[in-house]
Protein backbone atom coordinates (compact mmCIF):
# COMPACT_ATOMS: atom_id res chain seq x y z
CA UNK A 1 -0.02 0.02 -0.01
CA UNK A 2 1.35 3.41 -0.89
CA UNK A 3 1.56 6.13 1.65
CA UNK A 4 -1.86 7.54 2.27
CA UNK A 5 -2.62 11.10 3.19
CA UNK A 6 -4.12 10.91 6.65
CA UNK A 7 -5.37 14.10 8.31
CA UNK A 8 -5.51 14.52 12.07
CA UNK A 9 -9.10 13.24 12.18
CA UNK A 10 -8.13 10.02 10.42
CA UNK A 11 -5.14 9.57 12.74
CA UNK A 12 -7.26 10.17 15.83
CA UNK A 13 -9.89 7.66 14.65
CA UNK A 14 -7.24 5.04 13.87
CA UNK A 15 -5.55 5.59 17.20
CA UNK A 16 -8.79 5.17 19.15
CA UNK A 17 -9.88 2.11 17.11
CA UNK A 18 -6.58 0.31 17.53
CA UNK A 19 -6.77 0.87 21.30
CA UNK A 20 -10.36 -0.39 21.40
CA UNK A 21 -11.75 -1.99 18.25
CA UNK A 22 -15.15 -2.28 19.92
CA UNK A 23 -15.57 1.46 20.55
CA UNK A 24 -18.87 2.82 19.26
CA UNK A 25 -19.00 5.52 16.68
CA UNK A 26 -21.07 7.67 19.06
CA UNK A 27 -18.02 7.56 21.42
CA UNK A 28 -15.64 8.41 18.56
CA UNK A 29 -17.65 11.39 17.32
CA UNK A 30 -16.86 13.79 20.20
CA UNK A 31 -13.15 12.92 19.91
CA UNK A 32 -13.00 14.36 16.42
CA UNK A 33 -15.91 16.83 16.60
CA UNK A 34 -17.90 15.06 13.89
CA UNK A 35 -21.36 13.57 13.70
CA UNK A 36 -21.81 9.85 14.06
CA UNK A 37 -22.67 9.39 10.31
CA UNK A 38 -19.54 11.38 9.39
CA UNK A 39 -17.38 9.14 11.63
CA UNK A 40 -19.00 6.04 10.12
CA UNK A 41 -18.19 7.30 6.62
CA UNK A 42 -14.59 8.13 7.59
CA UNK A 43 -14.02 4.66 9.07
CA UNK A 44 -15.59 3.02 5.98
CA UNK A 45 -13.21 4.96 3.71
CA UNK A 46 -10.23 4.03 5.90
CA UNK A 47 -11.18 0.39 5.48
CA UNK A 48 -11.65 0.74 1.74
CA UNK A 49 -8.22 2.37 1.40
CA UNK A 50 -6.63 -0.42 3.37
CA UNK A 51 -5.56 1.82 6.24
CA UNK A 52 -7.76 -0.23 8.62
CA UNK A 53 -7.11 -3.84 7.73
CA UNK A 54 -9.50 -5.49 10.14
CA UNK A 55 -10.74 -5.79 13.68
CA UNK A 56 -9.36 -8.64 15.76
CA UNK A 57 -9.56 -10.20 19.18
CA UNK A 58 -6.21 -10.32 21.00
CA UNK A 59 -5.97 -13.90 22.35
CA UNK A 60 -3.87 -15.18 25.22
CA UNK A 61 -1.65 -17.92 23.75
CA UNK A 62 -1.44 -19.68 27.13
CA UNK A 63 -5.21 -20.33 26.96
CA UNK A 64 -4.41 -22.50 23.91
CA UNK A 65 -1.40 -24.17 25.57
CA UNK A 66 1.00 -22.38 23.24
CA UNK A 67 3.77 -21.99 25.84
CA UNK A 68 6.76 -21.67 23.50
CA UNK A 69 7.51 -18.36 21.72
CA UNK A 70 10.58 -18.34 19.53
CA UNK A 71 12.27 -16.37 16.76
CA UNK A 72 13.81 -18.39 13.98
CA UNK A 73 16.38 -16.71 11.77
CA UNK A 74 16.41 -18.34 8.34
CA UNK A 75 18.73 -18.07 5.37
CA UNK A 76 17.01 -18.83 2.04
CA UNK A 77 19.67 -19.42 -0.59
CA UNK A 78 18.20 -17.59 -3.54
CA UNK A 79 15.27 -15.57 -4.77
CA UNK A 80 14.24 -18.57 -6.87
CA UNK A 81 12.98 -20.21 -3.60
CA UNK A 82 11.58 -17.05 -2.05
CA UNK A 83 7.95 -17.46 -3.14
CA UNK A 84 7.88 -21.15 -2.14
CA UNK A 85 9.37 -20.20 1.28
CA UNK A 86 6.65 -17.59 1.88
CA UNK A 87 3.94 -20.05 0.83
CA UNK A 88 5.29 -22.65 3.32
CA UNK A 89 5.25 -20.02 6.09
CA UNK A 90 1.57 -19.29 5.38
CA UNK A 91 0.78 -22.98 5.48
CA UNK A 92 2.10 -23.37 9.06
CA UNK A 93 -0.23 -21.79 11.63
CA UNK A 94 2.66 -21.81 14.18
CA UNK A 95 4.36 -19.15 12.05
CA UNK A 96 2.82 -15.93 13.30
CA UNK A 97 5.08 -13.55 11.34
CA UNK A 98 7.58 -13.74 8.55
CA UNK A 99 9.92 -10.81 7.84
CA UNK A 100 12.54 -10.37 5.11
CA UNK A 101 15.63 -8.94 6.82
CA UNK A 102 19.12 -7.60 6.21
CA UNK A 103 22.18 -9.06 7.86
CA UNK A 104 23.40 -12.65 8.18
CA UNK A 105 19.94 -14.17 7.65
CA UNK A 106 17.35 -13.44 4.99
CA UNK A 107 14.22 -13.97 7.09
CA UNK A 108 12.95 -13.80 10.66
CA UNK A 109 10.03 -15.96 11.77
CA UNK A 110 8.02 -15.43 14.93
CA UNK A 111 6.50 -18.72 15.98
CA UNK A 112 4.41 -20.18 18.80
CA UNK A 113 4.23 -23.86 19.66
CA UNK A 114 2.89 -26.00 22.52
CA UNK A 115 6.23 -27.33 23.75
CA UNK A 116 9.84 -28.01 22.81
CA UNK A 117 8.88 -31.26 21.00
CA UNK A 118 6.56 -29.38 18.66
CA UNK A 119 9.18 -26.66 18.23
CA UNK A 120 11.76 -29.33 17.27
CA UNK A 121 9.35 -30.81 14.69
CA UNK A 122 8.65 -27.37 13.21
CA UNK A 123 12.44 -26.67 13.02
CA UNK A 124 12.95 -29.96 11.28
CA UNK A 125 10.26 -29.13 8.77
CA UNK A 126 11.62 -25.62 8.13
CA UNK A 127 15.12 -26.93 7.59
CA UNK A 128 13.79 -29.29 4.87
CA UNK A 129 12.05 -26.56 2.91
CA UNK A 130 13.55 -25.91 -0.54
CA UNK A 131 16.27 -23.27 -0.43
CA UNK A 132 16.70 -23.12 3.35
CA UNK A 133 20.44 -23.13 4.04
CA UNK A 134 20.55 -22.50 7.76
CA UNK A 135 18.51 -21.55 10.78
CA UNK A 136 19.21 -20.06 14.18
CA UNK A 137 16.53 -20.21 16.89
CA UNK A 138 16.13 -17.98 19.93
CA UNK A 139 13.62 -18.98 22.61
CA UNK A 140 11.80 -16.22 24.46
CA UNK A 141 12.01 -16.60 28.23
CA UNK A 142 9.55 -13.84 29.06
CA UNK A 143 7.75 -11.07 27.25
CA UNK A 144 7.64 -7.62 28.82
CA UNK A 145 6.11 -5.69 25.96
CA UNK A 146 4.26 -6.90 22.89
CA UNK A 147 1.91 -4.85 20.74
CA UNK A 148 0.37 -4.64 17.33
CA UNK A 149 -0.29 -0.95 17.79
CA UNK A 150 1.08 1.32 15.05
CA UNK A 151 2.27 4.80 16.10
CA UNK A 152 -0.38 6.86 14.33
CA UNK A 153 1.02 10.31 15.10
CA UNK A 154 -2.38 11.25 16.53
CA UNK A 155 -2.22 14.03 19.04
CA UNK A 156 -3.73 13.22 22.39
CA UNK A 157 -6.93 15.17 22.62
CA UNK A 158 -6.79 17.94 25.20
CA UNK A 159 -8.16 16.85 28.49
CA UNK A 160 -11.75 17.88 28.89
CA UNK A 161 -12.03 20.08 31.90
CA UNK A 162 -15.11 19.33 33.92
CA UNK A 163 -16.68 22.56 34.95
CA UNK A 164 -18.99 22.62 37.89
CA UNK A 165 -21.92 24.90 37.79
CA UNK A 166 -22.07 27.27 40.66
CA UNK A 167 -24.59 26.19 43.20
CA UNK A 168 -27.76 28.03 42.91
CA UNK A 169 -28.54 30.00 45.98
CA UNK A 170 -31.98 29.84 47.24
CA UNK A 171 -33.38 32.39 49.43
CA UNK A 172 -35.33 31.37 52.38
CA UNK A 173 -37.77 33.84 53.65
CA UNK A 174 -37.89 34.12 57.27
CA UNK A 175 -41.49 34.66 57.79
CA UNK A 176 -42.12 36.53 60.96
CA UNK A 177 -44.71 34.88 63.08
CA UNK A 178 -48.06 36.46 62.70
CA UNK A 179 -48.98 38.71 65.56
CA UNK A 180 -52.25 38.10 67.09
């Protein structure tokens, strides 16, 4: 996708949506000073242009017993095998991400598996793929920060100052007792 001109309203909408994909348009409207239909139209256009690529649930891998997170550096020997390598990556659900890189290796894979036995099997498979010359695997011991959020460049909206209305004074009339 080519660079897209995004104005401050688009950036604010994208920022809010990536923080909470379930936010309602009527909650977004005041953030950007637009009507709900205008926000809906903006979001629709952002989807059409490919700026917003979908809405997803962020799942806890441990709930699916995927306890092993690893990064596999891979060297693919030539561009003749590149397309086949990418196709193989897409066929393996354990491969969460595949990046072409510079440096000693041509690709970096982010993978999740159940245990070391399933990791070993995946490594064995990857090493047999056409064009794979070598691999290097790093296991993740703990994750301190992980995000899919893209820095949108959206400015934080100014904090809305809550103003309190002055209390209305009520006069009480001291009625003098009626004289008899």
